[in-house]
Amino acid sequence: MYILIADSGSTKCEWCLLQGGKKKKFETQGISPYFLNSTQIQHILKSELSPAIENHKIDRVFFYGTGCAGPKNKSIVRVALKRVFLKADILVDHDLMGAARALCGEKKGIAAILGTGSNSCYFDGRKIVKNSPGLGYVLGDEGSGAYLGKKILQYYLYGIFDKGLKEKFEAEYDSSSLKILEHVYKMPYPNRYLASFTVFLAENRGHYMIENIVEEGINDFFFIHLARYKQSRNCLVHFVGGVAFAFRDVLKELCHEYKLEIGQIMRKPMDGLILYHNK
């Protein structure tokens, strides 16, 4: 039996082809029903995915993607997949379900995503029971790359950075305030632009201003979201995403402070999804 698993964002989609104990990973451009219709998705599958799977007959497809929470958007992706994999059983679900299955398996737990954006849920081992509402990068996304990146730009543009950090920032980035504001308010995908500055945080760990940004930003995620799950006291709290993995030491410290028992911390959910579906 050939099983195909996908974990997709808007920019990039990671795939894994499973057959017994064998696995093959590859990438295509991102597939999001917010930006693509079924015909456009079908074209991506035909041009980028089909050559990689080498004409294998696919029996089951598990697609987890951004924007795939509602039935309308799920249908857009499912229709495209069904046109390419005519005889396959196809499941399309939200990326949060993918994270929950990757992190928790078939056990109950809190699954948290800290990447470009942030999200979280309580998973009972079969389904998502509770999801703390996400308000997007403008009003929410606490602890995310976009949230932390916004803090960096505030510190720089308000002149809060000391001389050393200011010079490092200007040496690494186009620091024109007009360019920064243009990227944030006029260019596409401002959340990704904001999140790109988390690299600066990772490169300058140890400086008290950097530590303040990281600790306060991720603490906001704990205070507003994780601490409000009543189940968080009785099960493991797991994390996935680039921000979570980069600042895993902060996650461990905050879990200790909030008296939460930390579980897995993954950079990407794919390895966990392989374990979940390869049974």
C-alpha atoms as a PDB file:
ATOM      1  CA  MET A   1       0.000   0.000   0.000  1.00  0.00           C
ATOM      2  CA  TYR A   2       1.262   3.453  -0.931  1.00  0.00           C
ATOM      3  CA  ILE A   3       0.363   6.286   1.455  1.00  0.00           C
ATOM      4  CA  LEU A   4       0.932   9.953   0.630  1.00  0.00           C
ATOM      5  CA  ILE A   5       1.118  12.527   3.452  1.00  0.00           C
ATOM      6  CA  ALA A   6       1.180  16.296   2.973  1.00  0.00           C
ATOM      7  CA  ASP A   7       1.846  19.135   5.404  1.00  0.00           C
ATOM      8  CA  SER A   8       1.207  22.402   3.601  1.00  0.00           C
ATOM      9  CA  GLY A   9       1.530  26.096   4.257  1.00  0.00           C
ATOM     10  CA  SER A  10       0.873  28.885   1.794  1.00  0.00           C
ATOM     11  CA  THR A  11       4.479  28.982   0.595  1.00  0.00           C
ATOM     12  CA  LYS A  12       5.701  25.393   0.759  1.00  0.00           C
ATOM     13  CA  CYS A  13       4.201  21.911   0.987  1.00  0.00           C
ATOM     14  CA  GLU A  14       6.184  18.982   2.404  1.00  0.00           C
ATOM     15  CA  TRP A  15       5.221  15.524   1.151  1.00  0.00           C
ATOM     16  CA  CYS A  16       6.156  11.997   2.166  1.00  0.00           C
ATOM     17  CA  LEU A  17       5.472   8.815   0.197  1.00  0.00           C
ATOM     18  CA  LEU A  18       5.210   5.756   2.452  1.00  0.00           C
ATOM     19  CA  GLN A  19       5.355   2.141   1.377  1.00  0.00           C
ATOM     20  CA  GLY A  20       5.938  -0.335   4.170  1.00  0.00           C
ATOM     21  CA  GLY A  21       9.067   0.792   5.974  1.00  0.00           C
ATOM     22  CA  LYS A  22      10.260   2.917   3.077  1.00  0.00           C
ATOM     23  CA  LYS A  23       9.727   6.661   2.886  1.00  0.00           C
ATOM     24  CA  LYS A  24      10.543   9.351   0.345  1.00  0.00           C
ATOM     25  CA  LYS A  25      10.230  13.066   1.128  1.00  0.00           C
ATOM     26  CA  PHE A  26       9.932  15.944  -1.322  1.00  0.00           C
ATOM     27  CA  GLU A  27       8.497  19.437  -1.603  1.00  0.00           C
ATOM     28  CA  THR A  28       6.213  21.411  -3.876  1.00  0.00           C
ATOM     29  CA  GLN A  29       5.002  24.970  -3.709  1.00  0.00           C
ATOM     30  CA  GLY A  30       2.434  25.661  -1.036  1.00  0.00           C
ATOM     31  CA  ILE A  31      -1.205  24.701  -1.528  1.00  0.00           C
ATOM     32  CA  SER A  32      -3.742  26.964   0.139  1.00  0.00           C
ATOM     33  CA  PRO A  33      -7.451  27.147  -0.799  1.00  0.00           C
ATOM     34  CA  TYR A  34      -7.354  30.795   0.265  1.00  0.00           C
ATOM     35  CA  PHE A  35      -5.277  31.601  -2.822  1.00  0.00           C
ATOM     36  CA  LEU A  36      -5.813  28.694  -5.253  1.00  0.00           C
ATOM     37  CA  ASN A  37      -8.867  27.027  -6.789  1.00  0.00           C
ATOM     38  CA  SER A  38      -9.172  23.306  -7.555  1.00  0.00           C
ATOM     39  CA  THR A  39      -7.884  23.654 -11.118  1.00  0.00           C
ATOM     40  CA  GLN A  40      -4.787  25.573 -10.015  1.00  0.00           C
ATOM     41  CA  ILE A  41      -4.082  23.032  -7.287  1.00  0.00           C
ATOM     42  CA  GLN A  42      -4.516  20.216  -9.789  1.00  0.00           C
ATOM     43  CA  HIS A  43      -1.918  21.852 -12.040  1.00  0.00           C
ATOM     44  CA  ILE A  44       0.587  21.994  -9.156  1.00  0.00           C
ATOM     45  CA  LEU A  45      -0.049  18.343  -8.340  1.00  0.00           C
ATOM     46  CA  LYS A  46       0.412  17.278 -11.963  1.00  0.00           C
ATOM     47  CA  SER A  47       3.502  19.384 -12.674  1.00  0.00           C
ATOM     48  CA  GLU A  48       5.368  19.184  -9.350  1.00  0.00           C
ATOM     49  CA  LEU A  49       4.065  16.156  -7.449  1.00  0.00           C
ATOM     50  CA  SER A  50       3.394  13.487 -10.086  1.00  0.00           C
ATOM     51  CA  PRO A  51       7.021  13.330 -11.348  1.00  0.00           C
ATOM     52  CA  ALA A  52       8.261  12.861  -7.775  1.00  0.00           C
ATOM     53  CA  ILE A  53       6.022   9.888  -6.991  1.00  0.00           C
ATOM     54  CA  GLU A  54       7.096   8.082 -10.172  1.00  0.00           C
ATOM     55  CA  ASN A  55       3.650   6.843 -11.239  1.00  0.00           C
ATOM     56  CA  HIS A  56       3.104   4.796  -8.089  1.00  0.00           C
ATOM     57  CA  LYS A  57      -0.533   3.879  -7.488  1.00  0.00           C
ATOM     58  CA  ILE A  58      -1.519   5.859  -4.407  1.00  0.00           C
ATOM     59  CA  ASP A  59      -3.979   4.113  -2.087  1.00  0.00           C
ATOM     60  CA  ARG A  60      -4.446   6.767   0.605  1.00  0.00           C
ATOM     61  CA  VAL A  61      -3.783  10.520   0.814  1.00  0.00           C
ATOM     62  CA  PHE A  62      -3.651  12.477   4.066  1.00  0.00           C
ATOM     63  CA  PHE A  63      -3.470  16.217   3.387  1.00  0.00           C
ATOM     64  CA  TYR A  64      -3.041  18.671   6.275  1.00  0.00           C
ATOM     65  CA  GLY A  65      -2.954  22.301   5.250  1.00  0.00           C
ATOM     66  CA  THR A  66      -3.414  25.912   6.153  1.00  0.00           C
ATOM     67  CA  GLY A  67      -6.898  27.167   5.408  1.00  0.00           C
ATOM     68  CA  CYS A  68      -8.417  23.673   5.419  1.00  0.00           C
ATOM     69  CA  ALA A  69     -10.626  24.082   8.484  1.00  0.00           C
ATOM     70  CA  GLY A  70     -13.991  24.772   6.823  1.00  0.00           C
ATOM     71  CA  PRO A  71     -15.903  22.397   4.502  1.00  0.00           C
ATOM     72  CA  LYS A  72     -15.728  24.737   1.490  1.00  0.00           C
ATOM     73  CA  ASN A  73     -11.941  25.029   1.544  1.00  0.00           C
ATOM     74  CA  LYS A  74     -11.509  21.325   2.299  1.00  0.00           C
ATOM     75  CA  SER A  75     -13.624  20.557  -0.764  1.00  0.00           C
ATOM     76  CA  ILE A  76     -11.438  22.756  -3.006  1.00  0.00           C
ATOM     77  CA  VAL A  77      -8.344  20.735  -2.089  1.00  0.00           C
ATOM     78  CA  ARG A  78     -10.120  17.370  -2.067  1.00  0.00           C
ATOM     79  CA  VAL A  79     -11.546  17.874  -5.568  1.00  0.00           C
ATOM     80  CA  ALA A  80      -8.052  18.586  -6.937  1.00  0.00           C
ATOM     81  CA  LEU A  81      -6.538  15.558  -5.191  1.00  0.00           C
ATOM     82  CA  LYS A  82      -9.357  13.309  -6.425  1.00  0.00           C
ATOM     83  CA  ARG A  83      -8.754  14.408 -10.018  1.00  0.00           C
ATOM     84  CA  VAL A  84      -5.135  13.249  -9.768  1.00  0.00           C
ATOM     85  CA  PHE A  85      -5.519  10.215  -7.497  1.00  0.00           C
ATOM     86  CA  LEU A  86      -8.708   8.730  -8.892  1.00  0.00           C
ATOM     87  CA  LYS A  87      -8.906   5.594  -6.750  1.00  0.00           C
ATOM     88  CA  ALA A  88      -7.305   6.831  -3.546  1.00  0.00           C
ATOM     89  CA  ASP A  89      -9.039   7.362  -0.217  1.00  0.00           C
ATOM     90  CA  ILE A  90      -8.494  11.040   0.543  1.00  0.00           C
ATOM     91  CA  LEU A  91      -8.587  12.933   3.844  1.00  0.00           C
ATOM     92  CA  VAL A  92      -8.165  16.714   3.934  1.00  0.00           C
ATOM     93  CA  ASP A  93      -7.842  18.477   7.274  1.00  0.00           C
ATOM     94  CA  HIS A  94      -6.503  21.617   8.934  1.00  0.00           C
ATOM     95  CA  ASP A  95      -2.812  21.977   9.777  1.00  0.00           C
ATOM     96  CA  LEU A  96      -3.742  22.108  13.465  1.00  0.00           C
ATOM     97  CA  MET A  97      -5.100  18.555  13.243  1.00  0.00           C
ATOM     98  CA  GLY A  98      -1.840  17.553  11.573  1.00  0.00           C
ATOM     99  CA  ALA A  99       0.109  19.107  14.427  1.00  0.00           C
ATOM    100  CA  ALA A 100      -2.093  17.389  17.022  1.00  0.00           C
ATOM    101  CA  ARG A 101      -1.672  13.953  15.450  1.00  0.00           C
ATOM    102  CA  ALA A 102       2.057  14.462  14.945  1.00  0.00           C
ATOM    103  CA  LEU A 103       2.637  15.592  18.528  1.00  0.00           C
ATOM    104  CA  CYS A 104       0.088  13.590  20.524  1.00  0.00           C
ATOM    105  CA  GLY A 105      -0.400  10.471  18.432  1.00  0.00           C
ATOM    106  CA  GLU A 106      -3.477   8.774  19.870  1.00  0.00           C
ATOM    107  CA  LYS A 107      -3.078  10.253  23.343  1.00  0.00           C
ATOM    108  CA  LYS A 108      -4.708  13.318  24.820  1.00  0.00           C
ATOM    109  CA  GLY A 109      -2.606  16.454  24.994  1.00  0.00           C
ATOM    110  CA  ILE A 110      -2.215  20.138  24.240  1.00  0.00           C
ATOM    111  CA  ALA A 111      -0.773  20.789  20.774  1.00  0.00           C
ATOM    112  CA  ALA A 112       0.738  24.216  20.132  1.00  0.00           C
ATOM    113  CA  ILE A 113       2.073  25.665  16.879  1.00  0.00           C
ATOM    114  CA  LEU A 114       4.688  28.405  17.106  1.00  0.00           C
ATOM    115  CA  GLY A 115       5.863  29.258  13.623  1.00  0.00           C
ATOM    116  CA  THR A 116       5.171  32.247  11.403  1.00  0.00           C
ATOM    117  CA  GLY A 117       1.810  32.293  13.188  1.00  0.00           C
ATOM    118  CA  SER A 118       0.598  30.565  16.348  1.00  0.00           C
ATOM    119  CA  ASN A 119      -2.266  28.268  17.253  1.00  0.00           C
ATOM    120  CA  SER A 120      -3.163  25.684  19.868  1.00  0.00           C
ATOM    121  CA  CYS A 121      -5.752  23.091  20.810  1.00  0.00           C
ATOM    122  CA  TYR A 122      -6.720  20.379  23.268  1.00  0.00           C
ATOM    123  CA  PHE A 123      -6.684  16.994  21.484  1.00  0.00           C
ATOM    124  CA  ASP A 124      -8.429  14.031  23.146  1.00  0.00           C
ATOM    125  CA  GLY A 125      -6.575  11.391  21.125  1.00  0.00           C
ATOM    126  CA  ARG A 126      -9.129  11.350  18.303  1.00  0.00           C
ATOM    127  CA  LYS A 127     -10.363  14.874  17.691  1.00  0.00           C
ATOM    128  CA  ILE A 128      -9.754  18.511  18.573  1.00  0.00           C
ATOM    129  CA  VAL A 129     -12.050  19.270  21.492  1.00  0.00           C
ATOM    130  CA  LYS A 130     -11.105  22.886  22.142  1.00  0.00           C
ATOM    131  CA  ASN A 131      -9.221  25.481  20.108  1.00  0.00           C
ATOM    132  CA  SER A 132      -8.146  28.808  21.534  1.00  0.00           C
ATOM    133  CA  PRO A 133      -9.326  31.384  18.981  1.00  0.00           C
ATOM    134  CA  GLY A 134      -6.684  32.724  16.634  1.00  0.00           C
ATOM    135  CA  LEU A 135      -6.946  36.380  15.657  1.00  0.00           C
ATOM    136  CA  GLY A 136      -4.175  36.511  13.054  1.00  0.00           C
ATOM    137  CA  TYR A 137      -0.955  38.497  13.089  1.00  0.00           C
ATOM    138  CA  VAL A 138      -2.607  41.922  13.476  1.00  0.00           C
ATOM    139  CA  LEU A 139      -4.599  41.224  16.652  1.00  0.00           C
ATOM    140  CA  GLY A 140      -3.112  37.953  17.855  1.00  0.00           C
ATOM    141  CA  ASP A 141      -0.555  35.268  16.948  1.00  0.00           C
ATOM    142  CA  GLU A 142       1.090  35.676  20.362  1.00  0.00           C
ATOM    143  CA  GLY A 143       4.503  33.999  20.569  1.00  0.00           C
ATOM    144  CA  SER A 144       4.754  33.571  16.807  1.00  0.00           C
ATOM    145  CA  GLY A 145       7.520  34.679  14.480  1.00  0.00           C
ATOM    146  CA  ALA A 146       5.348  37.550  13.271  1.00  0.00           C
ATOM    147  CA  TYR A 147       4.635  38.609  16.861  1.00  0.00           C
ATOM    148  CA  LEU A 148       8.318  38.538  17.848  1.00  0.00           C
ATOM    149  CA  GLY A 149       9.370  40.232  14.604  1.00  0.00           C
ATOM    150  CA  LYS A 150       6.955  43.081  15.261  1.00  0.00           C
ATOM    151  CA  LYS A 151       8.632  43.606  18.649  1.00  0.00           C
ATOM    152  CA  ILE A 152      12.073  43.760  17.024  1.00  0.00           C
ATOM    153  CA  LEU A 153      10.939  46.445  14.585  1.00  0.00           C
ATOM    154  CA  GLN A 154       9.303  48.409  17.385  1.00  0.00           C
ATOM    155  CA  TYR A 155      12.519  48.334  19.430  1.00  0.00           C
ATOM    156  CA  TYR A 156      14.526  49.458  16.409  1.00  0.00           C
ATOM    157  CA  LEU A 157      12.169  52.130  15.057  1.00  0.00           C
ATOM    158  CA  TYR A 158      11.439  53.579  18.508  1.00  0.00           C
ATOM    159  CA  GLY A 159      15.191  53.802  19.208  1.00  0.00           C
ATOM    160  CA  ILE A 160      15.087  51.373  22.153  1.00  0.00           C
ATOM    161  CA  PHE A 161      17.969  49.187  20.934  1.00  0.00           C
ATOM    162  CA  ASP A 162      21.340  50.049  22.435  1.00  0.00           C
ATOM    163  CA  LYS A 163      24.178  51.082  20.135  1.00  0.00           C
ATOM    164  CA  GLY A 164      25.526  47.560  19.664  1.00  0.00           C
ATOM    165  CA  LEU A 165      22.193  46.003  18.654  1.00  0.00           C
ATOM    166  CA  LYS A 166      21.318  48.987  16.480  1.00  0.00           C
ATOM    167  CA  GLU A 167      24.563  48.633  14.538  1.00  0.00           C
ATOM    168  CA  LYS A 168      24.105  44.877  14.131  1.00  0.00           C
ATOM    169  CA  PHE A 169      20.549  45.355  12.890  1.00  0.00           C
ATOM    170  CA  GLU A 170      21.569  48.020  10.370  1.00  0.00           C
ATOM    171  CA  ALA A 171      24.452  45.877   9.108  1.00  0.00           C
ATOM    172  CA  GLU A 172      22.115  42.955   8.419  1.00  0.00           C
ATOM    173  CA  TYR A 173      18.902  44.548   7.147  1.00  0.00           C
ATOM    174  CA  ASP A 174      17.613  47.382   4.992  1.00  0.00           C
ATOM    175  CA  SER A 175      16.863  49.584   7.986  1.00  0.00           C
ATOM    176  CA  SER A 176      15.147  52.467   6.228  1.00  0.00           C
ATOM    177  CA  SER A 177      11.985  53.203   8.189  1.00  0.00           C
ATOM    178  CA  LEU A 178      10.160  53.934   4.937  1.00  0.00           C
ATOM    179  CA  LYS A 179      11.147  50.529   3.507  1.00  0.00           C
ATOM    180  CA  ILE A 180      10.133  48.733   6.704  1.00  0.00           C
ATOM    181  CA  LEU A 181       6.735  50.437   6.807  1.00  0.00           C
ATOM    182  CA  GLU A 182       6.207  49.775   3.105  1.00  0.00           C
ATOM    183  CA  HIS A 183       6.844  46.041   3.657  1.00  0.00           C
ATOM    184  CA  VAL A 184       4.465  45.937   6.607  1.00  0.00           C
ATOM    185  CA  TYR A 185       1.604  48.006   5.194  1.00  0.00           C
ATOM    186  CA  LYS A 186       1.823  47.765   1.407  1.00  0.00           C
ATOM    187  CA  MET A 187       3.641  44.583   0.379  1.00  0.00           C
ATOM    188  CA  PRO A 188       2.073  41.085   0.280  1.00  0.00           C
ATOM    189  CA  TYR A 189       2.564  38.636   3.174  1.00  0.00           C
ATOM    190  CA  PRO A 190       3.605  41.107   5.887  1.00  0.00           C
ATOM    191  CA  ASN A 191       3.369  38.311   8.471  1.00  0.00           C
ATOM    192  CA  ARG A 192       6.192  36.445   6.736  1.00  0.00           C
ATOM    193  CA  TYR A 193       8.236  39.630   6.537  1.00  0.00           C
ATOM    194  CA  LEU A 194       7.809  40.206  10.273  1.00  0.00           C
ATOM    195  CA  ALA A 195       8.644  36.584  11.063  1.00  0.00           C
ATOM    196  CA  SER A 196      11.890  36.784   9.086  1.00  0.00           C
ATOM    197  CA  PHE A 197      13.401  38.918  11.863  1.00  0.00           C
ATOM    198  CA  THR A 198      13.354  36.012  14.338  1.00  0.00           C
ATOM    199  CA  VAL A 199      16.733  35.076  12.836  1.00  0.00           C
ATOM    200  CA  PHE A 200      18.100  38.262  14.404  1.00  0.00           C
ATOM    201  CA  LEU A 201      16.778  37.112  17.774  1.00  0.00           C
ATOM    202  CA  ALA A 202      18.398  33.697  17.436  1.00  0.00           C
ATOM    203  CA  GLU A 203      21.720  35.228  16.408  1.00  0.00           C
ATOM    204  CA  ASN A 204      21.846  37.595  19.387  1.00  0.00           C
ATOM    205  CA  ARG A 205      20.735  35.412  22.275  1.00  0.00           C
ATOM    206  CA  GLY A 206      22.199  36.472  25.600  1.00  0.00           C
ATOM    207  CA  HIS A 207      21.609  40.195  25.136  1.00  0.00           C
ATOM    208  CA  TYR A 208      19.082  41.288  27.742  1.00  0.00           C
ATOM    209  CA  MET A 209      16.905  43.144  25.215  1.00  0.00           C
ATOM    210  CA  ILE A 210      16.747  40.097  22.951  1.00  0.00           C
ATOM    211  CA  GLU A 211      15.935  37.830  25.894  1.00  0.00           C
ATOM    212  CA  ASN A 212      13.181  40.229  26.976  1.00  0.00           C
ATOM    213  CA  ILE A 213      11.564  40.160  23.531  1.00  0.00           C
ATOM    214  CA  VAL A 214      11.655  36.362  23.325  1.00  0.00           C
ATOM    215  CA  GLU A 215      10.548  35.653  26.887  1.00  0.00           C
ATOM    216  CA  GLU A 216       7.779  38.267  26.977  1.00  0.00           C
ATOM    217  CA  GLY A 217       6.472  37.346  23.515  1.00  0.00           C
ATOM    218  CA  ILE A 218       6.276  33.620  24.240  1.00  0.00           C
ATOM    219  CA  ASN A 219       4.943  34.264  27.743  1.00  0.00           C
ATOM    220  CA  ASP A 220       2.018  36.100  26.139  1.00  0.00           C
ATOM    221  CA  PHE A 221       1.183  32.851  24.314  1.00  0.00           C
ATOM    222  CA  PHE A 222       1.297  30.893  27.580  1.00  0.00           C
ATOM    223  CA  PHE A 223      -0.762  33.454  29.526  1.00  0.00           C
ATOM    224  CA  ILE A 224      -3.425  34.104  26.880  1.00  0.00           C
ATOM    225  CA  HIS A 225      -3.765  30.578  25.496  1.00  0.00           C
ATOM    226  CA  LEU A 226      -2.064  27.635  27.181  1.00  0.00           C
ATOM    227  CA  ALA A 227      -2.851  28.555  30.781  1.00  0.00           C
ATOM    228  CA  ARG A 228      -6.556  28.841  29.912  1.00  0.00           C
ATOM    229  CA  TYR A 229      -6.935  25.191  28.917  1.00  0.00           C
ATOM    230  CA  LYS A 230      -8.167  23.462  32.057  1.00  0.00           C
ATOM    231  CA  GLN A 231      -6.824  20.195  30.586  1.00  0.00           C
ATOM    232  CA  SER A 232      -3.270  21.576  30.495  1.00  0.00           C
ATOM    233  CA  ARG A 233      -2.810  20.590  34.147  1.00  0.00           C
ATOM    234  CA  ASN A 234      -3.507  16.933  33.430  1.00  0.00           C
ATOM    235  CA  CYS A 235      -1.724  16.191  30.173  1.00  0.00           C
ATOM    236  CA  LEU A 236       1.466  16.918  28.260  1.00  0.00           C
ATOM    237  CA  VAL A 237       1.899  20.202  26.396  1.00  0.00           C
ATOM    238  CA  HIS A 238       3.610  19.736  23.018  1.00  0.00           C
ATOM    239  CA  PHE A 239       5.046  22.256  20.559  1.00  0.00           C
ATOM    240  CA  VAL A 240       5.865  22.336  16.853  1.00  0.00           C
ATOM    241  CA  GLY A 241       7.288  25.018  14.554  1.00  0.00           C
ATOM    242  CA  GLY A 242      10.453  26.931  13.813  1.00  0.00           C
ATOM    243  CA  VAL A 243      10.006  29.403  16.673  1.00  0.00           C
ATOM    244  CA  ALA A 244       9.216  26.615  19.139  1.00  0.00           C
ATOM    245  CA  PHE A 245      12.326  24.671  18.140  1.00  0.00           C
ATOM    246  CA  ALA A 246      14.634  27.701  18.090  1.00  0.00           C
ATOM    247  CA  PHE A 247      13.578  28.856  21.558  1.00  0.00           C
ATOM    248  CA  ARG A 248      12.889  25.480  23.182  1.00  0.00           C
ATOM    249  CA  ASP A 249      14.882  26.499  26.257  1.00  0.00           C
ATOM    250  CA  VAL A 250      12.389  29.317  26.867  1.00  0.00           C
ATOM    251  CA  LEU A 251       9.463  26.916  26.424  1.00  0.00           C
ATOM    252  CA  LYS A 252      10.924  24.594  29.045  1.00  0.00           C
ATOM    253  CA  GLU A 253      11.436  27.440  31.518  1.00  0.00           C
ATOM    254  CA  LEU A 254       7.906  28.775  31.004  1.00  0.00           C
ATOM    255  CA  CYS A 255       6.351  25.321  31.336  1.00  0.00           C
ATOM    256  CA  HIS A 256       8.158  25.023  34.679  1.00  0.00           C
ATOM    257  CA  GLU A 257       6.890  28.454  35.790  1.00  0.00           C
ATOM    258  CA  TYR A 258       3.306  27.663  34.772  1.00  0.00           C
ATOM    259  CA  LYS A 259       3.558  24.148  36.277  1.00  0.00           C
ATOM    260  CA  LEU A 260       2.866  22.489  32.924  1.00  0.00           C
ATOM    261  CA  GLU A 261       4.432  19.186  31.903  1.00  0.00           C
ATOM    262  CA  ILE A 262       6.251  19.636  28.607  1.00  0.00           C
ATOM    263  CA  GLY A 263       6.082  16.961  25.941  1.00  0.00           C
ATOM    264  CA  GLN A 264       7.638  16.913  22.479  1.00  0.00           C
ATOM    265  CA  ILE A 265       9.156  19.903  20.711  1.00  0.00           C
ATOM    266  CA  MET A 266       9.377  19.406  16.922  1.00  0.00           C
ATOM    267  CA  ARG A 267      10.643  21.665  14.182  1.00  0.00           C
ATOM    268  CA  LYS A 268       8.176  20.190  11.649  1.00  0.00           C
ATOM    269  CA  PRO A 269       5.216  17.828  12.056  1.00  0.00           C
ATOM    270  CA  MET A 270       6.071  15.453   9.203  1.00  0.00           C
ATOM    271  CA  ASP A 271       8.096  12.902  11.194  1.00  0.00           C
ATOM    272  CA  GLY A 272       5.288  12.646  13.728  1.00  0.00           C
ATOM    273  CA  LEU A 273       2.708  12.243  10.962  1.00  0.00           C
ATOM    274  CA  ILE A 274       4.773   9.439   9.431  1.00  0.00           C
ATOM    275  CA  LEU A 275       4.680   7.578  12.746  1.00  0.00           C
ATOM    276  CA  TYR A 276       0.948   8.220  13.119  1.00  0.00           C
ATOM    277  CA  HIS A 277      -0.040   6.959   9.658  1.00  0.00           C
ATOM    278  CA  ASN A 278       2.556   4.247   9.092  1.00  0.00           C
ATOM    279  CA  LYS A 279       0.840   1.545  11.150  1.00  0.00           C
END
